[in-house]
């Protein structure tokens, strides 16, 4: 899945990613940045992610500027 960082608080690690394909918002899993190249995120940054069993974004990697099947576009 690919999306855009909608919000991120570096002090708490809380954040929200809006998914390109379904336009839903997904909260970051507590360990979302573990093992990734990211130390922190910035609003508007494009990322590729997976969802864990709790429907939280995890396993983040760099996204691209290419639209990933955004509905209605």
N, C-alpha and C. Protein backbone atom coordinates (compact mmCIF):
# COMPACT_ATOMS: atom_id res chain seq x y z
N UNK A 1 0.85 -1.17 0.00
CA UNK A 1 0.00 0.00 0.00
C UNK A 1 0.90 1.23 0.00
N UNK A 2 0.40 2.29 -0.59
CA UNK A 2 1.15 3.55 -0.61
C UNK A 2 0.24 4.67 -0.13
N UNK A 3 0.82 5.65 0.52
CA UNK A 3 0.04 6.77 1.01
C UNK A 3 0.91 7.96 1.37
N UNK A 4 0.27 8.91 2.05
CA UNK A 4 0.91 10.16 2.43
C UNK A 4 0.80 10.33 3.94
N UNK A 5 1.89 10.77 4.55
CA UNK A 5 1.86 11.06 5.98
C UNK A 5 0.97 12.28 6.19
N UNK A 6 -0.10 12.09 6.92
CA UNK A 6 -1.05 13.16 7.19
C UNK A 6 -0.65 13.94 8.43
N UNK A 7 -0.12 13.23 9.41
CA UNK A 7 0.33 13.86 10.66
C UNK A 7 1.36 12.95 11.32
N UNK A 8 2.29 13.58 12.04
CA UNK A 8 3.28 12.81 12.79
C UNK A 8 3.81 13.64 13.94
N UNK A 9 3.85 13.05 15.14
CA UNK A 9 4.39 13.71 16.33
C UNK A 9 5.67 12.97 16.73
N UNK A 10 6.83 13.58 16.47
CA UNK A 10 8.09 12.88 16.76
C UNK A 10 8.31 12.58 18.24
N UNK A 11 7.74 13.35 19.13
CA UNK A 11 7.96 13.10 20.55
C UNK A 11 7.20 11.87 21.05
N UNK A 12 6.01 11.62 20.50
CA UNK A 12 5.23 10.46 20.93
C UNK A 12 5.32 9.30 19.95
N UNK A 13 5.68 9.59 18.70
CA UNK A 13 5.70 8.56 17.66
C UNK A 13 4.34 8.30 17.05
N UNK A 14 3.32 9.05 17.47
CA UNK A 14 1.98 8.90 16.92
C UNK A 14 1.91 9.54 15.54
N UNK A 15 1.15 8.92 14.66
CA UNK A 15 1.00 9.49 13.33
C UNK A 15 -0.14 8.85 12.58
N UNK A 16 -0.48 9.47 11.44
CA UNK A 16 -1.57 9.00 10.60
C UNK A 16 -1.10 9.03 9.14
N UNK A 17 -1.42 7.97 8.41
CA UNK A 17 -1.12 7.89 6.98
C UNK A 17 -2.43 7.75 6.23
N UNK A 18 -2.61 8.56 5.18
CA UNK A 18 -3.78 8.43 4.32
C UNK A 18 -3.39 7.56 3.12
N UNK A 19 -4.11 6.48 2.92
CA UNK A 19 -3.81 5.51 1.87
C UNK A 19 -4.32 6.00 0.52
N UNK A 20 -3.48 5.85 -0.53
CA UNK A 20 -3.86 6.25 -1.88
C UNK A 20 -5.03 5.45 -2.43
N UNK A 21 -5.02 4.14 -2.22
CA UNK A 21 -5.98 3.29 -2.90
C UNK A 21 -7.39 3.33 -2.32
N UNK A 22 -7.54 3.50 -1.01
CA UNK A 22 -8.89 3.52 -0.42
C UNK A 22 -9.22 4.83 0.29
N UNK A 23 -8.26 5.77 0.31
CA UNK A 23 -8.43 7.09 0.92
C UNK A 23 -8.74 7.04 2.42
N UNK A 24 -8.48 5.88 3.07
CA UNK A 24 -8.67 5.76 4.51
C UNK A 24 -7.44 6.23 5.25
N UNK A 25 -7.64 6.66 6.48
CA UNK A 25 -6.55 7.04 7.37
C UNK A 25 -6.19 5.85 8.24
N UNK A 26 -4.90 5.60 8.38
CA UNK A 26 -4.41 4.52 9.23
C UNK A 26 -3.41 5.08 10.22
N UNK A 27 -3.60 4.75 11.50
CA UNK A 27 -2.67 5.17 12.53
C UNK A 27 -1.38 4.36 12.41
N UNK A 28 -0.27 4.96 12.81
CA UNK A 28 1.00 4.25 12.82
C UNK A 28 1.01 3.24 13.97
N UNK A 29 1.54 2.07 13.71
CA UNK A 29 1.76 1.09 14.76
C UNK A 29 2.87 1.62 15.67
N UNK A 30 2.88 1.24 16.94
CA UNK A 30 3.93 1.73 17.85
C UNK A 30 5.35 1.48 17.35
N UNK A 31 5.56 0.41 16.60
CA UNK A 31 6.90 0.07 16.12
C UNK A 31 7.05 0.33 14.62
N UNK A 32 6.27 1.21 14.07
CA UNK A 32 6.22 1.43 12.61
C UNK A 32 7.56 1.80 12.00
N UNK A 33 8.40 2.50 12.73
CA UNK A 33 9.69 2.93 12.17
C UNK A 33 10.83 1.97 12.48
N UNK A 34 10.58 0.95 13.30
CA UNK A 34 11.61 -0.03 13.63
C UNK A 34 12.06 -0.76 12.37
N UNK A 35 13.35 -0.80 12.15
CA UNK A 35 13.90 -1.51 11.01
C UNK A 35 13.76 -0.80 9.68
N UNK A 36 13.22 0.43 9.69
CA UNK A 36 13.08 1.18 8.45
C UNK A 36 14.21 2.20 8.34
N UNK A 37 14.27 2.87 7.21
CA UNK A 37 15.29 3.90 7.02
C UNK A 37 14.92 5.20 7.72
N UNK A 38 13.69 5.29 8.22
CA UNK A 38 13.20 6.54 8.81
C UNK A 38 13.53 6.63 10.29
N UNK A 39 13.93 7.81 10.70
CA UNK A 39 14.05 8.12 12.13
C UNK A 39 12.83 8.93 12.56
N UNK A 40 12.29 9.68 11.61
CA UNK A 40 11.05 10.43 11.83
C UNK A 40 10.39 10.65 10.48
N UNK A 41 9.18 11.14 10.50
CA UNK A 41 8.41 11.39 9.28
C UNK A 41 8.04 12.86 9.21
N UNK A 42 7.68 13.31 8.02
CA UNK A 42 7.19 14.69 7.88
C UNK A 42 5.85 14.66 7.16
N UNK A 43 5.02 15.62 7.47
CA UNK A 43 3.71 15.72 6.83
C UNK A 43 3.89 15.86 5.32
N UNK A 44 3.10 15.11 4.56
CA UNK A 44 3.16 15.16 3.11
C UNK A 44 4.14 14.17 2.50
N UNK A 45 4.92 13.49 3.33
CA UNK A 45 5.89 12.52 2.82
C UNK A 45 5.17 11.29 2.30
N UNK A 46 5.60 10.78 1.14
CA UNK A 46 5.01 9.60 0.54
C UNK A 46 5.72 8.36 1.08
N UNK A 47 4.93 7.36 1.49
CA UNK A 47 5.49 6.13 2.04
C UNK A 47 4.74 4.92 1.50
N UNK A 48 5.44 3.80 1.50
CA UNK A 48 4.83 2.50 1.24
C UNK A 48 4.74 1.83 2.60
N UNK A 49 3.62 1.16 2.86
CA UNK A 49 3.42 0.55 4.18
C UNK A 49 2.58 -0.71 4.08
N UNK A 50 2.60 -1.48 5.15
CA UNK A 50 1.75 -2.65 5.31
C UNK A 50 0.82 -2.39 6.49
N UNK A 51 -0.26 -3.15 6.58
CA UNK A 51 -1.14 -3.07 7.74
C UNK A 51 -0.92 -4.29 8.62
N UNK A 52 -0.86 -4.05 9.93
CA UNK A 52 -0.75 -5.18 10.85
C UNK A 52 -2.15 -5.70 11.18
N UNK A 53 -2.24 -6.65 12.08
CA UNK A 53 -3.53 -7.26 12.45
C UNK A 53 -4.51 -6.26 13.05
N UNK A 54 -3.99 -5.16 13.60
CA UNK A 54 -4.84 -4.13 14.21
C UNK A 54 -5.17 -3.00 13.24
N UNK A 55 -4.90 -3.21 11.94
CA UNK A 55 -5.14 -2.20 10.90
C UNK A 55 -4.35 -0.93 11.16
N UNK A 56 -3.11 -1.09 11.64
CA UNK A 56 -2.19 0.02 11.85
C UNK A 56 -1.07 -0.08 10.82
N UNK A 57 -0.58 1.08 10.37
CA UNK A 57 0.49 1.13 9.37
C UNK A 57 1.81 0.72 10.01
N UNK A 58 2.53 -0.16 9.31
CA UNK A 58 3.82 -0.64 9.78
C UNK A 58 4.71 -0.96 8.58
N UNK A 59 5.97 -1.29 8.82
CA UNK A 59 6.93 -1.66 7.78
C UNK A 59 7.04 -0.56 6.71
N UNK A 60 7.30 0.65 7.14
CA UNK A 60 7.37 1.80 6.24
C UNK A 60 8.63 1.80 5.38
N UNK A 61 8.48 2.20 4.13
CA UNK A 61 9.60 2.43 3.23
C UNK A 61 9.26 3.63 2.35
N UNK A 62 10.22 4.08 1.57
CA UNK A 62 10.01 5.26 0.73
C UNK A 62 8.96 5.02 -0.33
N UNK A 63 8.05 5.96 -0.48
CA UNK A 63 7.06 5.90 -1.54
C UNK A 63 7.52 6.69 -2.74
N UNK A 64 6.72 6.67 -3.80
CA UNK A 64 7.07 7.42 -5.01
C UNK A 64 6.00 8.46 -5.29
N UNK A 65 6.29 9.34 -6.21
CA UNK A 65 5.32 10.37 -6.60
C UNK A 65 4.29 9.85 -7.59
N UNK A 66 4.46 8.60 -8.02
CA UNK A 66 3.51 8.01 -8.97
C UNK A 66 2.22 7.66 -8.24
N UNK A 67 1.09 8.05 -8.81
CA UNK A 67 -0.21 7.74 -8.21
C UNK A 67 -0.42 6.23 -8.19
N UNK A 68 -0.86 5.72 -7.07
CA UNK A 68 -1.06 4.29 -6.91
C UNK A 68 -2.54 3.97 -6.89
N UNK A 69 -3.23 4.12 -8.02
CA UNK A 69 -4.64 3.74 -8.18
C UNK A 69 -5.56 4.53 -7.26
N UNK A 70 -5.32 5.82 -7.13
CA UNK A 70 -6.19 6.66 -6.31
C UNK A 70 -7.57 6.71 -6.94
N UNK A 71 -8.62 6.40 -6.18
CA UNK A 71 -9.97 6.38 -6.75
C UNK A 71 -10.39 7.77 -7.24
N UNK A 72 -11.00 7.80 -8.40
CA UNK A 72 -11.55 9.05 -8.92
C UNK A 72 -10.56 9.96 -9.60
N UNK A 73 -9.32 9.52 -9.81
CA UNK A 73 -8.32 10.36 -10.44
C UNK A 73 -7.78 9.71 -11.69
